[in-house]
Amino acid sequence: MGYADTRDRLEHYFDRTASKTWERLTSDAPVSRIRQTVREGRDAMRAALLARLPADIRGLRVLDAGCGTGAATAAMAARGAEVVAVDISASLIEVARTRVPVADLRRVTFHAGDMLDPGLGRFDHVLAMDSLIHYRAGDIALMLAQLAARTKASVVFTVAPRTPALTAMWWAGKLFPRSDRSPAIVPHAEADIAGALRAAGVTWRLRPGTRVARGFYISQAMELVP
């Protein structure tokens, strides 16, 4: 599937099928052992991505691209950033509104829709945690090219790394009936992303970052800088 088809499938999944699941997963509510590993992995990856931003982000304009239930948004707003929190799921945006402390809400603008919408404006930094993992390398490169064109300093993001376990799960998922599938995670090697960026004409440098593996969660941080 291309970018638009994948985006529409993600909107349907997160807005209608799995919004309550993600609300619970990203809360303090008890979850299964498997989901607990995902929760721990996401917490560790979020911390790794936030550490890539400058120590002082007061007054900087940051896009939380695929903000989900707002954990990174809340963390950046608490540090003084002006955050634009965008997600394809209107349901998750509403959860995010409730999770940003009232004192920090004045620094956050919420938007339900496409993270690539040029109407969102320009940014000092972009953070895209696990919001690109469902796309093929060519689509990821085109998305990053559009984000970088409106960003001053850095785009920090994650991809699903190409490991034997993730690749096996990807192929196994293709065997299920389409109606039973959650959106597929597409594994990539760093060279895949680098090559796709070159093909898309992106001249920014690609830097690999932290890889986080916690049980059923595995993700690779990367960073684009001018």
Protein backbone atom coordinates (compact mmCIF):
# COMPACT_ATOMS: atom_id res chain seq x y z
CA MET A 1 0.00 0.00 0.00
CA GLY A 2 1.10 3.56 -0.65
CA TYR A 3 1.21 6.41 1.83
CA ALA A 4 -2.45 7.47 1.57
CA ASP A 5 -3.82 3.93 1.83
CA THR A 6 -1.64 3.14 4.85
CA ARG A 7 -2.59 6.42 6.53
CA ASP A 8 -6.30 5.72 6.04
CA ARG A 9 -5.92 2.21 7.42
CA LEU A 10 -4.09 3.58 10.46
CA GLU A 11 -6.82 6.16 11.04
CA HIS A 12 -9.50 3.46 10.99
CA TYR A 13 -7.50 1.18 13.31
CA PHE A 14 -6.48 3.71 15.94
CA ASP A 15 -9.65 5.80 15.85
CA ARG A 16 -12.26 3.05 15.79
CA THR A 17 -10.72 -0.33 16.57
CA ALA A 18 -7.94 0.18 19.10
CA SER A 19 -8.36 3.59 20.73
CA LYS A 20 -9.43 2.12 24.09
CA THR A 21 -6.60 -0.41 23.98
CA TRP A 22 -4.03 2.34 23.41
CA GLU A 23 -5.60 4.55 26.06
CA ARG A 24 -5.17 1.74 28.59
CA LEU A 25 -1.71 0.71 27.38
CA THR A 26 -0.39 4.24 27.83
CA SER A 27 -1.96 4.71 31.27
CA ASP A 28 -0.99 3.32 34.66
CA ALA A 29 -3.72 0.66 34.51
CA PRO A 30 -2.67 -3.00 34.93
CA VAL A 31 -2.00 -4.79 31.64
CA SER A 32 -0.87 -8.23 30.55
CA ARG A 33 2.80 -9.21 30.75
CA ILE A 34 3.15 -8.85 26.98
CA ARG A 35 1.64 -5.37 26.95
CA GLN A 36 3.76 -4.41 29.94
CA THR A 37 6.90 -5.04 27.87
CA VAL A 38 5.47 -2.80 25.15
CA ARG A 39 4.72 -0.10 27.72
CA GLU A 40 8.24 -0.31 29.14
CA GLY A 41 9.78 -0.27 25.69
CA ARG A 42 7.81 2.79 24.63
CA ASP A 43 8.76 4.61 27.82
CA ALA A 44 12.45 3.87 27.20
CA MET A 45 12.28 4.93 23.55
CA ARG A 46 10.44 8.14 24.38
CA ALA A 47 13.16 9.03 26.87
CA ALA A 48 15.83 8.30 24.24
CA LEU A 49 14.18 10.53 21.66
CA LEU A 50 13.59 13.36 24.10
CA ALA A 51 17.27 13.18 25.06
CA ARG A 52 18.13 13.97 21.42
CA LEU A 53 16.51 17.38 21.74
CA PRO A 54 18.49 20.29 23.18
CA ALA A 55 18.61 20.49 26.96
CA ASP A 56 16.86 23.87 26.78
CA ILE A 57 13.83 23.83 24.48
CA ARG A 58 12.01 26.76 26.06
CA GLY A 59 10.19 28.71 23.38
CA LEU A 60 11.15 26.33 20.58
CA ARG A 61 8.39 25.13 18.27
CA VAL A 62 8.27 21.33 18.16
CA LEU A 63 6.00 19.01 16.18
CA ASP A 64 4.95 15.82 17.94
CA ALA A 65 4.14 13.89 14.75
CA GLY A 66 1.84 11.06 15.70
CA CYS A 67 1.41 12.19 19.30
CA GLY A 68 -0.93 9.37 20.31
CA THR A 69 -2.09 9.84 23.88
CA GLY A 70 0.33 12.70 24.47
CA ALA A 71 3.15 11.46 26.69
CA ALA A 72 5.91 13.12 24.65
CA THR A 73 3.77 16.21 24.15
CA ALA A 74 3.33 16.58 27.91
CA ALA A 75 7.06 16.10 28.53
CA MET A 76 8.08 18.72 25.97
CA ALA A 77 5.47 21.24 27.08
CA ALA A 78 6.67 20.81 30.68
CA ARG A 79 10.16 21.77 29.47
CA GLY A 80 8.80 24.97 27.95
CA ALA A 81 8.46 24.04 24.26
CA GLU A 82 5.62 25.27 22.09
CA VAL A 83 4.25 21.92 20.93
CA VAL A 84 2.02 21.14 17.97
CA ALA A 85 0.56 17.71 18.76
CA VAL A 86 -0.88 16.00 15.69
CA ASP A 87 -2.34 12.53 15.28
CA ILE A 88 -4.42 10.83 12.61
CA SER A 89 -6.78 9.60 15.36
CA ALA A 90 -9.20 12.17 16.74
CA SER A 91 -9.98 9.77 19.61
CA LEU A 92 -6.35 9.67 20.75
CA ILE A 93 -6.08 13.46 20.45
CA GLU A 94 -8.95 13.78 22.93
CA VAL A 95 -7.12 11.47 25.35
CA ALA A 96 -3.94 13.53 24.91
CA ARG A 97 -5.82 16.72 25.84
CA THR A 98 -6.70 15.21 29.21
CA ARG A 99 -3.14 14.08 29.93
CA VAL A 100 -1.31 17.35 29.48
CA PRO A 101 -1.30 19.20 32.83
CA VAL A 102 -3.54 22.26 32.81
CA ALA A 103 -0.57 24.52 33.54
CA ASP A 104 1.10 23.42 30.29
CA LEU A 105 -1.93 23.35 27.97
CA ARG A 106 -1.34 26.94 26.84
CA ARG A 107 1.87 25.76 25.15
CA VAL A 108 0.16 22.96 23.19
CA THR A 109 -1.86 23.10 19.97
CA PHE A 110 -3.72 19.88 19.18
CA HIS A 111 -4.60 18.83 15.64
CA ALA A 112 -6.41 15.71 14.43
CA GLY A 113 -5.22 14.97 10.92
CA ASP A 114 -2.20 14.36 8.72
CA MET A 115 1.22 15.02 10.27
CA LEU A 116 2.39 16.26 6.85
CA ASP A 117 -0.21 19.03 6.64
CA PRO A 118 1.77 22.15 5.57
CA GLY A 119 -0.79 24.26 7.41
CA LEU A 120 0.84 23.18 10.66
CA GLY A 121 3.68 25.57 9.86
CA ARG A 122 7.42 25.44 10.49
CA PHE A 123 9.31 23.93 13.39
CA ASP A 124 12.63 23.95 15.20
CA HIS A 125 12.44 20.19 15.82
CA VAL A 126 10.18 17.27 14.90
CA LEU A 127 9.67 14.16 17.01
CA ALA A 128 8.00 11.17 15.35
CA MET A 129 7.96 8.18 17.69
CA ASP A 130 6.68 4.95 16.15
CA SER A 131 4.49 6.88 13.71
CA LEU A 132 6.49 5.87 10.61
CA ILE A 133 6.84 2.17 11.40
CA HIS A 134 3.92 1.07 9.22
CA TYR A 135 5.29 2.56 5.99
CA ARG A 136 7.68 1.32 3.31
CA ALA A 137 11.10 2.93 3.00
CA GLY A 138 10.20 5.07 -0.01
CA ASP A 139 7.15 6.51 1.75
CA ILE A 140 9.16 7.14 4.92
CA ALA A 141 11.75 9.04 2.90
CA LEU A 142 9.11 11.21 1.24
CA MET A 143 7.48 11.91 4.61
CA LEU A 144 10.82 12.86 6.14
CA ALA A 145 11.62 15.06 3.15
CA GLN A 146 8.41 17.02 3.69
CA LEU A 147 9.01 17.35 7.42
CA ALA A 148 12.66 18.37 7.00
CA ALA A 149 11.68 21.06 4.48
CA ARG A 150 9.74 22.82 7.27
CA THR A 151 12.18 22.13 10.11
CA LYS A 152 15.22 24.10 11.23
CA ALA A 153 17.33 21.81 13.39
CA SER A 154 16.39 18.10 13.55
CA VAL A 155 13.86 15.38 12.90
CA VAL A 156 14.09 12.54 15.43
CA PHE A 157 12.11 9.43 14.58
CA THR A 158 11.92 5.67 14.87
CA VAL A 159 11.72 2.76 12.49
CA ALA A 160 11.21 -0.94 13.08
CA PRO A 161 14.67 -2.49 12.67
CA ARG A 162 15.09 -5.43 10.35
CA THR A 163 15.74 -8.26 12.79
CA PRO A 164 14.99 -11.96 12.18
CA ALA A 165 12.15 -11.89 14.73
CA LEU A 166 10.44 -8.80 13.31
CA THR A 167 10.85 -10.00 9.74
CA ALA A 168 9.28 -13.35 10.63
CA MET A 169 6.36 -11.63 12.35
CA TRP A 170 5.89 -9.37 9.31
CA TRP A 171 5.63 -12.33 6.94
CA ALA A 172 3.42 -14.28 9.35
CA GLY A 173 1.06 -11.32 9.58
CA LYS A 174 0.53 -11.40 5.84
CA LEU A 175 -1.05 -14.86 6.21
CA PHE A 176 -3.98 -13.61 8.28
CA PRO A 177 -7.22 -12.53 6.58
CA ARG A 178 -7.10 -8.80 5.86
CA SER A 179 -10.06 -8.09 8.14
CA ASP A 180 -8.21 -9.63 11.12
CA ARG A 181 -4.95 -7.74 10.75
CA SER A 182 -3.76 -4.78 12.72
CA PRO A 183 -1.65 -2.42 10.59
CA ALA A 184 1.55 -4.18 9.64
CA ILE A 185 4.88 -2.99 11.00
CA VAL A 186 7.42 -2.90 8.17
CA PRO A 187 11.02 -3.67 9.24
CA HIS A 188 13.88 -1.69 7.69
CA ALA A 189 17.67 -1.79 7.76
CA GLU A 190 19.44 1.54 8.23
CA ALA A 191 20.78 1.21 4.67
CA ASP A 192 17.21 0.98 3.36
CA ILE A 193 16.29 4.30 4.93
CA ALA A 194 19.53 5.97 3.89
CA GLY A 195 19.12 4.83 0.29
CA ALA A 196 15.50 5.91 0.14
CA LEU A 197 16.43 9.34 1.50
CA ARG A 198 19.07 9.78 -1.19
CA ALA A 199 16.57 8.74 -3.85
CA ALA A 200 14.12 11.31 -2.49
CA GLY A 201 16.75 14.04 -2.75
CA VAL A 202 17.16 14.53 1.01
CA THR A 203 20.61 15.94 1.72
CA TRP A 204 20.35 16.01 5.51
CA ARG A 205 22.58 13.59 7.43
CA LEU A 206 21.07 10.43 8.89
CA ARG A 207 22.34 9.48 12.34
CA PRO A 208 21.45 6.18 14.01
CA GLY A 209 20.44 6.38 17.65
CA THR A 210 19.36 4.08 20.46
CA ARG A 211 17.75 0.72 19.78
CA VAL A 212 15.24 -0.36 22.41
CA ALA A 213 14.15 -3.98 22.80
CA ARG A 214 11.76 -4.96 25.58
CA GLY A 215 9.97 -8.24 25.02
CA PHE A 216 7.42 -7.59 22.27
CA TYR A 217 8.65 -4.04 21.65
CA ILE A 218 11.62 -3.28 19.43
CA SER A 219 12.34 0.05 17.78
CA GLN A 220 15.32 1.92 16.37
CA ALA A 221 15.84 5.65 16.91
CA MET A 222 17.25 7.76 14.09
CA GLU A 223 17.88 11.45 13.56
CA LEU A 224 18.02 13.72 10.51
CA VAL A 225 20.08 16.88 10.82
CA PRO A 226 21.12 19.52 8.25
